[in-house]
Each structure stands twice: as C-alpha cells, then as structure tokens.
Amino acid sequence: MKNLEIMTSVISIAFILALVMGLAYITTRYIGMSSGKRFRNSNIKLIEVMSIGYQKYLYIVKVTDKFMVLSVTKDDVKLLDTVDGEKLIINKDEGLIGKDFKNILDKIINRQKK
C-alpha cells in the first residue's frame, strides 16, 4: 500500500513538473515571436554594437533616416555624433534574429570544415 502511494506521488510530481516546463516553453516562444513582430517594422533600428570596456558600449542606431552614434554606460546614454549613412558599411546579414538554429549551426560547422 505504501509503495502505491509513493509511486502515485512521484508520478503526480513528474506530471506537474512536465506541465510547468511545457507552459514555460510555450510562453517563452509566444513572447519571443510577438516581440520580434513588434520591433521588426519600427522606425528605430540597431545597426551595430561595440563593447569598449566593462559595461561601456558604442551603439550605431538608425532613427528614420538619421544614423546616430551613442555612448551607453550602465548609468548614462549620450549622443556622440550623427553619421552620414552613405559612409557606413552596413552588413546586410541581420545576425541571429529570426533565423533557424539549424541553419546557424550548419553555417558554423561548414565554416570549421574549410
């Protein structure tokens, strides 16, 4: 009788854990997809980020048709300069956003084989 109670408890805990993990996965996927759609067609685009020290970054941001260079620290954001867009070298690859993990992994593996 005691073994049956222990087995029932273990199965119910495993079921609850699987349910919580499944709901967390679904919620994460939903939030990720909705945030990608929300920012995809906005007027503000992050072009490039460069770390220049501990919690210090340079950002190139495109706002409508202007390119701005921002200095960002943990306490402050400053506009350093506006840049002519024709002088920038913009990589057309959109990075990892919106790409399938398998495609990214295949590219890395193929790069290492060469």
PDB file of N, CA and C in Angstrom:
ATOM      1  N   MET A   1       0.825  -1.191   0.000  1.00  0.00           N
ATOM      2  CA  MET A   1       0.000   0.000   0.000  1.00  0.00           C
ATOM      3  C   MET A   1       0.867   1.252   0.000  1.00  0.00           C
ATOM      4  N   LYS A   2       1.935   1.248   0.817  1.00  0.00           N
ATOM      5  CA  LYS A   2       2.801   2.411   0.893  1.00  0.00           C
ATOM      6  C   LYS A   2       3.533   2.647  -0.415  1.00  0.00           C
ATOM      7  N   ASN A   3       3.942   1.555  -1.079  1.00  0.00           N
ATOM      8  CA  ASN A   3       4.628   1.682  -2.363  1.00  0.00           C
ATOM      9  C   ASN A   3       3.729   2.325  -3.412  1.00  0.00           C
ATOM     10  N   LEU A   4       2.443   2.003  -3.381  1.00  0.00           N
ATOM     11  CA  LEU A   4       1.491   2.577  -4.322  1.00  0.00           C
ATOM     12  C   LEU A   4       1.349   4.079  -4.091  1.00  0.00           C
ATOM     13  N   GLU A   5       1.307   4.506  -2.835  1.00  0.00           N
ATOM     14  CA  GLU A   5       1.203   5.933  -2.517  1.00  0.00           C
ATOM     15  C   GLU A   5       2.451   6.689  -2.960  1.00  0.00           C
ATOM     16  N   ILE A   6       3.615   6.100  -2.736  1.00  0.00           N
ATOM     17  CA  ILE A   6       4.871   6.740  -3.145  1.00  0.00           C
ATOM     18  C   ILE A   6       4.917   6.853  -4.666  1.00  0.00           C
ATOM     19  N   MET A   7       4.526   5.786  -5.354  1.00  0.00           N
ATOM     20  CA  MET A   7       4.544   5.791  -6.811  1.00  0.00           C
ATOM     21  C   MET A   7       3.565   6.823  -7.360  1.00  0.00           C
ATOM     22  N   THR A   8       2.401   6.938  -6.753  1.00  0.00           N
ATOM     23  CA  THR A   8       1.419   7.930  -7.176  1.00  0.00           C
ATOM     24  C   THR A   8       1.950   9.344  -6.964  1.00  0.00           C
ATOM     25  N   SER A   9       2.605   9.577  -5.846  1.00  0.00           N
ATOM     26  CA  SER A   9       3.187  10.894  -5.572  1.00  0.00           C
ATOM     27  C   SER A   9       4.278  11.240  -6.578  1.00  0.00           C
ATOM     28  N   VAL A  10       5.138  10.291  -6.886  1.00  0.00           N
ATOM     29  CA  VAL A  10       6.226  10.527  -7.845  1.00  0.00           C
ATOM     30  C   VAL A  10       5.655  10.833  -9.229  1.00  0.00           C
ATOM     31  N   ILE A  11       4.658  10.076  -9.642  1.00  0.00           N
ATOM     32  CA  ILE A  11       4.050  10.297 -10.960  1.00  0.00           C
ATOM     33  C   ILE A  11       3.358  11.655 -11.014  1.00  0.00           C
ATOM     34  N   SER A  12       2.647  12.024  -9.953  1.00  0.00           N
ATOM     35  CA  SER A  12       1.956  13.317  -9.963  1.00  0.00           C
ATOM     36  C   SER A  12       2.950  14.477  -9.953  1.00  0.00           C
ATOM     37  N   ILE A  13       4.047  14.353  -9.217  1.00  0.00           N
ATOM     38  CA  ILE A  13       5.070  15.408  -9.206  1.00  0.00           C
ATOM     39  C   ILE A  13       5.725  15.517 -10.583  1.00  0.00           C
ATOM     40  N   ALA A  14       6.004  14.383 -11.216  1.00  0.00           N
ATOM     41  CA  ALA A  14       6.596  14.397 -12.557  1.00  0.00           C
ATOM     42  C   ALA A  14       5.642  15.034 -13.565  1.00  0.00           C
ATOM     43  N   PHE A  15       4.355  14.736 -13.444  1.00  0.00           N
ATOM     44  CA  PHE A  15       3.362  15.324 -14.336  1.00  0.00           C
ATOM     45  C   PHE A  15       3.284  16.836 -14.147  1.00  0.00           C
ATOM     46  N   ILE A  16       3.254  17.282 -12.907  1.00  0.00           N
ATOM     47  CA  ILE A  16       3.191  18.722 -12.623  1.00  0.00           C
ATOM     48  C   ILE A  16       4.443  19.425 -13.142  1.00  0.00           C
ATOM     49  N   LEU A  17       5.606  18.827 -12.943  1.00  0.00           N
ATOM     50  CA  LEU A  17       6.853  19.404 -13.433  1.00  0.00           C
ATOM     51  C   LEU A  17       6.845  19.505 -14.958  1.00  0.00           C
ATOM     52  N   ALA A  18       6.385  18.455 -15.629  1.00  0.00           N
ATOM     53  CA  ALA A  18       6.310  18.477 -17.093  1.00  0.00           C
ATOM     54  C   ALA A  18       5.325  19.539 -17.569  1.00  0.00           C
ATOM     55  N   LEU A  19       4.220  19.689 -16.864  1.00  0.00           N
ATOM     56  CA  LEU A  19       3.224  20.696 -17.218  1.00  0.00           C
ATOM     57  C   LEU A  19       3.794  22.103 -17.070  1.00  0.00           C
ATOM     58  N   VAL A  20       4.477  22.374 -15.970  1.00  0.00           N
ATOM     59  CA  VAL A  20       5.073  23.693 -15.740  1.00  0.00           C
ATOM     60  C   VAL A  20       6.135  23.990 -16.794  1.00  0.00           C
ATOM     61  N   MET A  21       6.977  23.010 -17.100  1.00  0.00           N
ATOM     62  CA  MET A  21       8.024  23.222 -18.107  1.00  0.00           C
ATOM     63  C   MET A  21       7.415  23.440 -19.493  1.00  0.00           C
ATOM     64  N   GLY A  22       6.368  22.724 -19.809  1.00  0.00           N
ATOM     65  CA  GLY A  22       5.692  22.913 -21.095  1.00  0.00           C
ATOM     66  C   GLY A  22       5.071  24.288 -21.213  1.00  0.00           C
ATOM     67  N   LEU A  23       4.410  24.739 -20.156  1.00  0.00           N
ATOM     68  CA  LEU A  23       3.817  26.077 -20.167  1.00  0.00           C
ATOM     69  C   LEU A  23       4.886  27.161 -20.255  1.00  0.00           C
ATOM     70  N   ALA A  24       6.007  26.970 -19.572  1.00  0.00           N
ATOM     71  CA  ALA A  24       7.106  27.939 -19.652  1.00  0.00           C
ATOM     72  C   ALA A  24       7.655  28.002 -21.075  1.00  0.00           C
ATOM     73  N   TYR A  25       7.802  26.858 -21.719  1.00  0.00           N
ATOM     74  CA  TYR A  25       8.303  26.821 -23.096  1.00  0.00           C
ATOM     75  C   TYR A  25       7.344  27.537 -24.042  1.00  0.00           C
ATOM     76  N   ILE A  26       6.060  27.239 -23.942  1.00  0.00           N
ATOM     77  CA  ILE A  26       5.060  27.860 -24.816  1.00  0.00           C
ATOM     78  C   ILE A  26       5.015  29.365 -24.591  1.00  0.00           C
ATOM     79  N   THR A  27       5.062  29.795 -23.341  1.00  0.00           N
ATOM     80  CA  THR A  27       5.044  31.220 -23.027  1.00  0.00           C
ATOM     81  C   THR A  27       6.271  31.919 -23.590  1.00  0.00           C
ATOM     82  N   THR A  28       7.436  31.315 -23.450  1.00  0.00           N
ATOM     83  CA  THR A  28       8.667  31.907 -23.969  1.00  0.00           C
ATOM     84  C   THR A  28       8.609  32.032 -25.484  1.00  0.00           C
ATOM     85  N   ARG A  29       8.138  31.008 -26.168  1.00  0.00           N
ATOM     86  CA  ARG A  29       8.018  31.067 -27.629  1.00  0.00           C
ATOM     87  C   ARG A  29       7.044  32.161 -28.048  1.00  0.00           C
ATOM     88  N   TYR A  30       5.915  32.271 -27.364  1.00  0.00           N
ATOM     89  CA  TYR A  30       4.913  33.275 -27.706  1.00  0.00           C
ATOM     90  C   TYR A  30       5.463  34.682 -27.508  1.00  0.00           C
ATOM     91  N   ILE A  31       6.124  34.924 -26.387  1.00  0.00           N
ATOM     92  CA  ILE A  31       6.685  36.248 -26.114  1.00  0.00           C
ATOM     93  C   ILE A  31       7.781  36.572 -27.122  1.00  0.00           C
ATOM     94  N   GLY A  32       8.615  35.603 -27.449  1.00  0.00           N
ATOM     95  CA  GLY A  32       9.681  35.823 -28.418  1.00  0.00           C
ATOM     96  C   GLY A  32       9.143  36.168 -29.794  1.00  0.00           C
ATOM     97  N   MET A  33       8.121  35.482 -30.238  1.00  0.00           N
ATOM     98  CA  MET A  33       7.556  35.752 -31.556  1.00  0.00           C
ATOM     99  C   MET A  33       6.834  37.087 -31.581  1.00  0.00           C
ATOM    100  N   SER A  34       6.119  37.423 -30.528  1.00  0.00           N
ATOM    101  CA  SER A  34       5.382  38.683 -30.529  1.00  0.00           C
ATOM    102  C   SER A  34       6.320  39.876 -30.417  1.00  0.00           C
ATOM    103  N   SER A  35       7.427  39.757 -29.683  1.00  0.00           N
ATOM    104  CA  SER A  35       8.357  40.884 -29.583  1.00  0.00           C
ATOM    105  C   SER A  35       9.099  41.081 -30.896  1.00  0.00           C
ATOM    106  N   GLY A  36       9.378  40.010 -31.626  1.00  0.00           N
ATOM    107  CA  GLY A  36      10.031  40.143 -32.923  1.00  0.00           C
ATOM    108  C   GLY A  36       9.147  40.872 -33.914  1.00  0.00           C
ATOM    109  N   LYS A  37       7.863  40.580 -33.926  1.00  0.00           N
ATOM    110  CA  LYS A  37       6.932  41.263 -34.821  1.00  0.00           C
ATOM    111  C   LYS A  37       6.766  42.723 -34.425  1.00  0.00           C
ATOM    112  N   ARG A  38       6.796  42.986 -33.155  1.00  0.00           N
ATOM    113  CA  ARG A  38       6.576  44.337 -32.673  1.00  0.00           C
ATOM    114  C   ARG A  38       7.709  45.269 -33.092  1.00  0.00           C
ATOM    115  N   PHE A  39       8.950  44.780 -33.087  1.00  0.00           N
ATOM    116  CA  PHE A  39      10.085  45.643 -33.372  1.00  0.00           C
ATOM    117  C   PHE A  39      10.557  45.564 -34.819  1.00  0.00           C
ATOM    118  N   ARG A  40      10.029  44.674 -35.599  1.00  0.00           N
ATOM    119  CA  ARG A  40      10.527  44.476 -36.955  1.00  0.00           C
ATOM    120  C   ARG A  40      10.252  45.685 -37.843  1.00  0.00           C
ATOM    121  N   ASN A  41       9.104  46.323 -37.742  1.00  0.00           N
ATOM    122  CA  ASN A  41       8.742  47.415 -38.630  1.00  0.00           C
ATOM    123  C   ASN A  41       8.782  48.770 -37.940  1.00  0.00           C
ATOM    124  N   SER A  42       9.584  48.903 -36.928  1.00  0.00           N
ATOM    125  CA  SER A  42       9.628  50.171 -36.214  1.00  0.00           C
ATOM    126  C   SER A  42      10.558  51.142 -36.922  1.00  0.00           C
ATOM    127  N   ASN A  43      10.545  52.385 -36.499  1.00  0.00           N
ATOM    128  CA  ASN A  43      11.382  53.430 -37.080  1.00  0.00           C
ATOM    129  C   ASN A  43      12.767  53.473 -36.467  1.00  0.00           C
ATOM    130  N   ILE A  44      13.006  52.669 -35.461  1.00  0.00           N
ATOM    131  CA  ILE A  44      14.303  52.650 -34.790  1.00  0.00           C
ATOM    132  C   ILE A  44      14.931  51.282 -35.012  1.00  0.00           C
ATOM    133  N   LYS A  45      16.171  51.287 -35.526  1.00  0.00           N
ATOM    134  CA  LYS A  45      16.868  50.020 -35.769  1.00  0.00           C
ATOM    135  C   LYS A  45      18.274  50.102 -35.203  1.00  0.00           C
ATOM    136  N   LEU A  46      18.669  49.046 -34.533  1.00  0.00           N
ATOM    137  CA  LEU A  46      20.027  48.939 -34.012  1.00  0.00           C
ATOM    138  C   LEU A  46      20.901  48.391 -35.129  1.00  0.00           C
ATOM    139  N   ILE A  47      21.896  49.169 -35.530  1.00  0.00           N
ATOM    140  CA  ILE A  47      22.760  48.781 -36.637  1.00  0.00           C
ATOM    141  C   ILE A  47      23.961  47.993 -36.138  1.00  0.00           C
ATOM    142  N   GLU A  48      24.619  48.505 -35.089  1.00  0.00           N
ATOM    143  CA  GLU A  48      25.831  47.846 -34.614  1.00  0.00           C
ATOM    144  C   GLU A  48      26.076  48.197 -33.149  1.00  0.00           C
ATOM    145  N   VAL A  49      26.719  47.271 -32.436  1.00  0.00           N
ATOM    146  CA  VAL A  49      27.103  47.476 -31.035  1.00  0.00           C
ATOM    147  C   VAL A  49      28.556  47.066 -30.892  1.00  0.00           C
ATOM    148  N   MET A  50      29.305  47.863 -30.141  1.00  0.00           N
ATOM    149  CA  MET A  50      30.709  47.522 -29.877  1.00  0.00           C
ATOM    150  C   MET A  50      31.009  47.786 -28.415  1.00  0.00           C
ATOM    151  N   SER A  51      31.541  46.781 -27.750  1.00  0.00           N
ATOM    152  CA  SER A  51      31.943  46.940 -26.356  1.00  0.00           C
ATOM    153  C   SER A  51      33.289  47.650 -26.319  1.00  0.00           C
ATOM    154  N   ILE A  52      33.375  48.701 -25.503  1.00  0.00           N
ATOM    155  CA  ILE A  52      34.640  49.436 -25.381  1.00  0.00           C
ATOM    156  C   ILE A  52      35.187  49.371 -23.965  1.00  0.00           C
ATOM    157  N   GLY A  53      34.582  48.581 -23.130  1.00  0.00           N
ATOM    158  CA  GLY A  53      35.030  48.419 -21.756  1.00  0.00           C
ATOM    159  C   GLY A  53      33.951  47.734 -20.951  1.00  0.00           C
ATOM    160  N   TYR A  54      34.212  47.599 -19.665  1.00  0.00           N
ATOM    161  CA  TYR A  54      33.252  46.957 -18.777  1.00  0.00           C
ATOM    162  C   TYR A  54      32.000  47.820 -18.691  1.00  0.00           C
ATOM    163  N   GLN A  55      30.877  47.310 -19.165  1.00  0.00           N
ATOM    164  CA  GLN A  55      29.584  47.983 -19.181  1.00  0.00           C
ATOM    165  C   GLN A  55      29.640  49.320 -19.906  1.00  0.00           C
ATOM    166  N   LYS A  56      30.467  49.413 -20.961  1.00  0.00           N
ATOM    167  CA  LYS A  56      30.561  50.611 -21.794  1.00  0.00           C
ATOM    168  C   LYS A  56      30.471  50.169 -23.245  1.00  0.00           C
ATOM    169  N   TYR A  57      29.551  50.780 -23.980  1.00  0.00           N
ATOM    170  CA  TYR A  57      29.289  50.355 -25.346  1.00  0.00           C
ATOM    171  C   TYR A  57      29.127  51.556 -26.258  1.00  0.00           C
ATOM    172  N   LEU A  58      29.430  51.341 -27.535  1.00  0.00           N
ATOM    173  CA  LEU A  58      29.097  52.279 -28.591  1.00  0.00           C
ATOM    174  C   LEU A  58      27.994  51.641 -29.420  1.00  0.00           C
ATOM    175  N   TYR A  59      26.952  52.399 -29.683  1.00  0.00           N
ATOM    176  CA  TYR A  59      25.841  51.925 -30.490  1.00  0.00           C
ATOM    177  C   TYR A  59      25.733  52.806 -31.724  1.00  0.00           C
ATOM    178  N   ILE A  60      25.467  52.183 -32.859  1.00  0.00           N
ATOM    179  CA  ILE A  60      25.046  52.927 -34.039  1.00  0.00           C
ATOM    180  C   ILE A  60      23.582  52.582 -34.231  1.00  0.00           C
ATOM    181  N   VAL A  61      22.747  53.613 -34.186  1.00  0.00           N
ATOM    182  CA  VAL A  61      21.304  53.439 -34.237  1.00  0.00           C
ATOM    183  C   VAL A  61      20.755  54.245 -35.405  1.00  0.00           C
ATOM    184  N   LYS A  62      19.846  53.640 -36.156  1.00  0.00           N
ATOM    185  CA  LYS A  62      19.179  54.359 -37.236  1.00  0.00           C
ATOM    186  C   LYS A  62      17.788  54.740 -36.754  1.00  0.00           C
ATOM    187  N   VAL A  63      17.519  56.042 -36.740  1.00  0.00           N
ATOM    188  CA  VAL A  63      16.203  56.556 -36.380  1.00  0.00           C
ATOM    189  C   VAL A  63      15.674  57.255 -37.623  1.00  0.00           C
ATOM    190  N   THR A  64      14.628  56.735 -38.197  1.00  0.00           N
ATOM    191  CA  THR A  64      14.083  57.118 -39.506  1.00  0.00           C
ATOM    192  C   THR A  64      15.209  57.115 -40.532  1.00  0.00           C
ATOM    193  N   ASP A  65      15.731  58.288 -40.927  1.00  0.00           N
ATOM    194  CA  ASP A  65      16.805  58.315 -41.928  1.00  0.00           C
ATOM    195  C   ASP A  65      18.120  58.844 -41.362  1.00  0.00           C
ATOM    196  N   LYS A  66      18.206  59.006 -40.048  1.00  0.00           N
ATOM    197  CA  LYS A  66      19.426  59.509 -39.412  1.00  0.00           C
ATOM    198  C   LYS A  66      20.154  58.374 -38.704  1.00  0.00           C
ATOM    199  N   PHE A  67      21.481  58.386 -38.799  1.00  0.00           N
ATOM    200  CA  PHE A  67      22.316  57.427 -38.086  1.00  0.00           C
ATOM    201  C   PHE A  67      22.995  58.155 -36.936  1.00  0.00           C
ATOM    202  N   MET A  68      22.856  57.614 -35.738  1.00  0.00           N
ATOM    203  CA  MET A  68      23.423  58.249 -34.551  1.00  0.00           C
ATOM    204  C   MET A  68      24.396  57.309 -33.859  1.00  0.00           C
ATOM    205  N   VAL A  69      25.477  57.883 -33.336  1.00  0.00           N
ATOM    206  CA  VAL A  69      26.438  57.128 -32.543  1.00  0.00           C
ATOM    207  C   VAL A  69      26.179  57.482 -31.087  1.00  0.00           C
ATOM    208  N   LEU A  70      25.872  56.469 -30.285  1.00  0.00           N
ATOM    209  CA  LEU A  70      25.547  56.671 -28.877  1.00  0.00           C
ATOM    210  C   LEU A  70      26.596  56.013 -27.999  1.00  0.00           C
ATOM    211  N   SER A  71      26.912  56.674 -26.906  1.00  0.00           N
ATOM    212  CA  SER A  71      27.760  56.097 -25.871  1.00  0.00           C
ATOM    213  C   SER A  71      26.834  55.650 -24.748  1.00  0.00           C
ATOM    214  N   VAL A  72      26.912  54.370 -24.397  1.00  0.00           N
ATOM    215  CA  VAL A  72      25.998  53.825 -23.397  1.00  0.00           C
ATOM    216  C   VAL A  72      26.805  53.181 -22.280  1.00  0.00           C
ATOM    217  N   THR A  73      26.547  53.633 -21.056  1.00  0.00           N
ATOM    218  CA  THR A  73      27.112  53.003 -19.873  1.00  0.00           C
ATOM    219  C   THR A  73      25.950  52.551 -19.006  1.00  0.00           C
ATOM    220  N   LYS A  74      26.261  51.952 -17.864  1.00  0.00           N
ATOM    221  CA  LYS A  74      25.158  51.477 -17.016  1.00  0.00           C
ATOM    222  C   LYS A  74      24.359  52.625 -16.419  1.00  0.00           C
ATOM    223  N   ASP A  75      24.944  53.827 -16.361  1.00  0.00           N
ATOM    224  CA  ASP A  75      24.260  54.960 -15.751  1.00  0.00           C
ATOM    225  C   ASP A  75      23.869  56.057 -16.729  1.00  0.00           C
ATOM    226  N   ASP A  76      24.357  56.008 -17.983  1.00  0.00           N
ATOM    227  CA  ASP A  76      24.200  57.165 -18.849  1.00  0.00           C
ATOM    228  C   ASP A  76      24.134  56.757 -20.318  1.00  0.00           C
ATOM    229  N   VAL A  77      23.425  57.560 -21.098  1.00  0.00           N
ATOM    230  CA  VAL A  77      23.390  57.434 -22.551  1.00  0.00           C
ATOM    231  C   VAL A  77      23.653  58.819 -23.119  1.00  0.00           C
ATOM    232  N   LYS A  78      24.648  58.920 -24.020  1.00  0.00           N
ATOM    233  CA  LYS A  78      24.984  60.216 -24.611  1.00  0.00           C
ATOM    234  C   LYS A  78      25.026  60.091 -26.124  1.00  0.00           C
ATOM    235  N   LEU A  79      24.539  61.114 -26.800  1.00  0.00           N
ATOM    236  CA  LEU A  79      24.654  61.202 -28.245  1.00  0.00           C
ATOM    237  C   LEU A  79      26.026  61.765 -28.564  1.00  0.00           C
ATOM    238  N   LEU A  80      26.862  60.984 -29.230  1.00  0.00           N
ATOM    239  CA  LEU A  80      28.203  61.440 -29.576  1.00  0.00           C
ATOM    240  C   LEU A  80      28.213  62.201 -30.890  1.00  0.00           C
ATOM    241  N   ASP A  81      27.512  61.660 -31.894  1.00  0.00           N
ATOM    242  CA  ASP A  81      27.557  62.281 -33.210  1.00  0.00           C
ATOM    243  C   ASP A  81      26.454  61.698 -34.078  1.00  0.00           C
ATOM    244  N   THR A  82      26.108  62.416 -35.134  1.00  0.00           N
ATOM    245  CA  THR A  82      25.271  61.849 -36.182  1.00  0.00           C
ATOM    246  C   THR A  82      26.181  61.560 -37.365  1.00  0.00           C
ATOM    247  N   VAL A  83      25.924  60.466 -38.045  1.00  0.00           N
ATOM    248  CA  VAL A  83      26.817  59.994 -39.097  1.00  0.00           C
ATOM    249  C   VAL A  83      26.054  59.945 -40.412  1.00  0.00           C
ATOM    250  N   ASP A  84      26.761  60.275 -41.490  1.00  0.00           N
ATOM    251  CA  ASP A  84      26.189  60.160 -42.822  1.00  0.00           C
ATOM    252  C   ASP A  84      26.034  58.680 -43.164  1.00  0.00           C
ATOM    253  N   GLY A  85      24.850  58.274 -43.530  1.00  0.00           N
ATOM    254  CA  GLY A  85      24.578  56.869 -43.801  1.00  0.00           C
ATOM    255  C   GLY A  85      25.345  56.310 -44.976  1.00  0.00           C
ATOM    256  N   GLU A  86      25.757  57.165 -45.917  1.00  0.00           N
ATOM    257  CA  GLU A  86      26.493  56.694 -47.087  1.00  0.00           C
ATOM    258  C   GLU A  86      27.901  56.240 -46.720  1.00  0.00           C
ATOM    259  N   LYS A  87      28.439  56.731 -45.625  1.00  0.00           N
ATOM    260  CA  LYS A  87      29.794  56.372 -45.209  1.00  0.00           C
ATOM    261  C   LYS A  87      29.835  55.086 -44.387  1.00  0.00           C
ATOM    262  N   LEU A  88      28.691  54.636 -43.932  1.00  0.00           N
ATOM    263  CA  LEU A  88      28.642  53.425 -43.111  1.00  0.00           C
ATOM    264  C   LEU A  88      28.708  52.176 -43.976  1.00  0.00           C
ATOM    265  N   ILE A  89      29.361  51.171 -43.454  1.00  0.00           N
ATOM    266  CA  ILE A  89      29.359  49.853 -44.084  1.00  0.00           C
ATOM    267  C   ILE A  89      28.377  49.009 -43.282  1.00  0.00           C
ATOM    268  N   ILE A  90      27.229  48.733 -43.873  1.00  0.00           N
ATOM    269  CA  ILE A  90      26.174  48.017 -43.160  1.00  0.00           C
ATOM    270  C   ILE A  90      26.127  46.590 -43.670  1.00  0.00           C
ATOM    271  N   ASN A  91      26.282  45.650 -42.755  1.00  0.00           N
ATOM    272  CA  ASN A  91      26.202  44.232 -43.077  1.00  0.00           C
ATOM    273  C   ASN A  91      24.736  43.883 -43.285  1.00  0.00           C
ATOM    274  N   LYS A  92      24.401  43.349 -44.441  1.00  0.00           N
ATOM    275  CA  LYS A  92      23.005  43.018 -44.751  1.00  0.00           C
ATOM    276  C   LYS A  92      22.496  41.821 -43.957  1.00  0.00           C
ATOM    277  N   ASP A  93      23.407  41.009 -43.435  1.00  0.00           N
ATOM    278  CA  ASP A  93      23.009  39.877 -42.612  1.00  0.00           C
ATOM    279  C   ASP A  93      22.410  40.422 -41.329  1.00  0.00           C
ATOM    280  N   GLU A  94      21.223  39.976 -40.975  1.00  0.00           N
ATOM    281  CA  GLU A  94      20.528  40.501 -39.808  1.00  0.00           C
ATOM    282  C   GLU A  94      20.938  39.817 -38.517  1.00  0.00           C
ATOM    283  N   GLY A  95      22.050  39.131 -38.524  1.00  0.00           N
ATOM    284  CA  GLY A  95      22.510  38.471 -37.309  1.00  0.00           C
ATOM    285  C   GLY A  95      21.704  37.226 -37.027  1.00  0.00           C
ATOM    286  N   LEU A  96      21.460  36.964 -35.764  1.00  0.00           N
ATOM    287  CA  LEU A  96      20.781  35.736 -35.365  1.00  0.00           C
ATOM    288  C   LEU A  96      19.277  35.889 -35.246  1.00  0.00           C
ATOM    289  N   ILE A  97      18.783  37.125 -35.315  1.00  0.00           N
ATOM    290  CA  ILE A  97      17.359  37.352 -35.093  1.00  0.00           C
ATOM    291  C   ILE A  97      16.552  36.773 -36.252  1.00  0.00           C
ATOM    292  N   GLY A  98      15.585  35.976 -35.924  1.00  0.00           N
ATOM    293  CA  GLY A  98      14.681  35.430 -36.914  1.00  0.00           C
ATOM    294  C   GLY A  98      15.243  34.281 -37.730  1.00  0.00           C
ATOM    295  N   LYS A  99      16.379  33.748 -37.361  1.00  0.00           N
ATOM    296  CA  LYS A  99      16.966  32.646 -38.114  1.00  0.00           C
ATOM    297  C   LYS A  99      16.766  31.337 -37.362  1.00  0.00           C
ATOM    298  N   ASP A 100      16.718  30.281 -38.147  1.00  0.00           N
ATOM    299  CA  ASP A 100      16.545  28.953 -37.598  1.00  0.00           C
ATOM    300  C   ASP A 100      17.868  28.470 -37.002  1.00  0.00           C
ATOM    301  N   PHE A 101      17.822  27.879 -35.826  1.00  0.00           N
ATOM    302  CA  PHE A 101      19.035  27.419 -35.153  1.00  0.00           C
ATOM    303  C   PHE A 101      19.789  26.402 -35.995  1.00  0.00           C
ATOM    304  N   LYS A 102      19.080  25.542 -36.692  1.00  0.00           N
ATOM    305  CA  LYS A 102      19.730  24.526 -37.524  1.00  0.00           C
ATOM    306  C   LYS A 102      20.558  25.182 -38.624  1.00  0.00           C
ATOM    307  N   ASN A 103      20.033  26.233 -39.255  1.00  0.00           N
ATOM    308  CA  ASN A 103      20.784  26.925 -40.303  1.00  0.00           C
ATOM    309  C   ASN A 103      22.037  27.581 -39.742  1.00  0.00           C
ATOM    310  N   ILE A 104      21.928  28.174 -38.573  1.00  0.00           N
ATOM    311  CA  ILE A 104      23.087  28.813 -37.942  1.00  0.00           C
ATOM    312  C   ILE A 104      24.140  27.763 -37.611  1.00  0.00           C
ATOM    313  N   LEU A 105      23.708  26.648 -37.041  1.00  0.00           N
ATOM    314  CA  LEU A 105      24.634  25.576 -36.685  1.00  0.00           C
ATOM    315  C   LEU A 105      25.311  24.996 -37.925  1.00  0.00           C
ATOM    316  N   ASP A 106      24.554  24.814 -39.009  1.00  0.00           N
ATOM    317  CA  ASP A 106      25.136  24.306 -40.253  1.00  0.00           C
ATOM    318  C   ASP A 106      26.198  25.252 -40.800  1.00  0.00           C
ATOM    319  N   LYS A 107      25.943  26.563 -40.737  1.00  0.00           N
ATOM    320  CA  LYS A 107      26.932  27.537 -41.209  1.00  0.00           C
ATOM    321  C   LYS A 107      28.214  27.457 -40.389  1.00  0.00           C
ATOM    322  N   ILE A 108      28.077  27.332 -39.081  1.00  0.00           N
ATOM    323  CA  ILE A 108      29.258  27.258 -38.214  1.00  0.00           C
ATOM    324  C   ILE A 108      30.041  25.983 -38.497  1.00  0.00           C
ATOM    325  N   ILE A 109      29.346  24.871 -38.650  1.00  0.00           N
ATOM    326  CA  ILE A 109      30.020  23.597 -38.930  1.00  0.00           C
ATOM    327  C   ILE A 109      30.723  23.649 -40.284  1.00  0.00           C
ATOM    328  N   ASN A 110      30.067  24.206 -41.290  1.00  0.00           N
ATOM    329  CA  ASN A 110      30.683  24.309 -42.617  1.00  0.00           C
ATOM    330  C   ASN A 110      31.891  25.235 -42.601  1.00  0.00           C
ATOM    331  N   ARG A 111      31.836  26.289 -41.811  1.00  0.00           N
ATOM    332  CA  ARG A 111      32.958  27.217 -41.694  1.00  0.00           C
ATOM    333  C   ARG A 111      34.166  26.526 -41.065  1.00  0.00           C
ATOM    334  N   GLN A 112      33.915  25.661 -40.085  1.00  0.00           N
ATOM    335  CA  GLN A 112      35.008  24.971 -39.413  1.00  0.00           C
ATOM    336  C   GLN A 112      35.616  23.887 -40.292  1.00  0.00           C
ATOM    337  N   LYS A 113      34.846  23.328 -41.219  1.00  0.00           N
ATOM    338  CA  LYS A 113      35.363  22.291 -42.111  1.00  0.00           C
ATOM    339  C   LYS A 113      36.335  22.865 -43.137  1.00  0.00           C
ATOM    340  N   LYS A 114      36.163  24.142 -43.477  1.00  0.00           N
ATOM    341  CA  LYS A 114      37.009  24.761 -44.513  1.00  0.00           C
ATOM    342  C   LYS A 114      38.386  25.051 -44.040  1.00  0.00           C
TER     343      LYS A 114
END
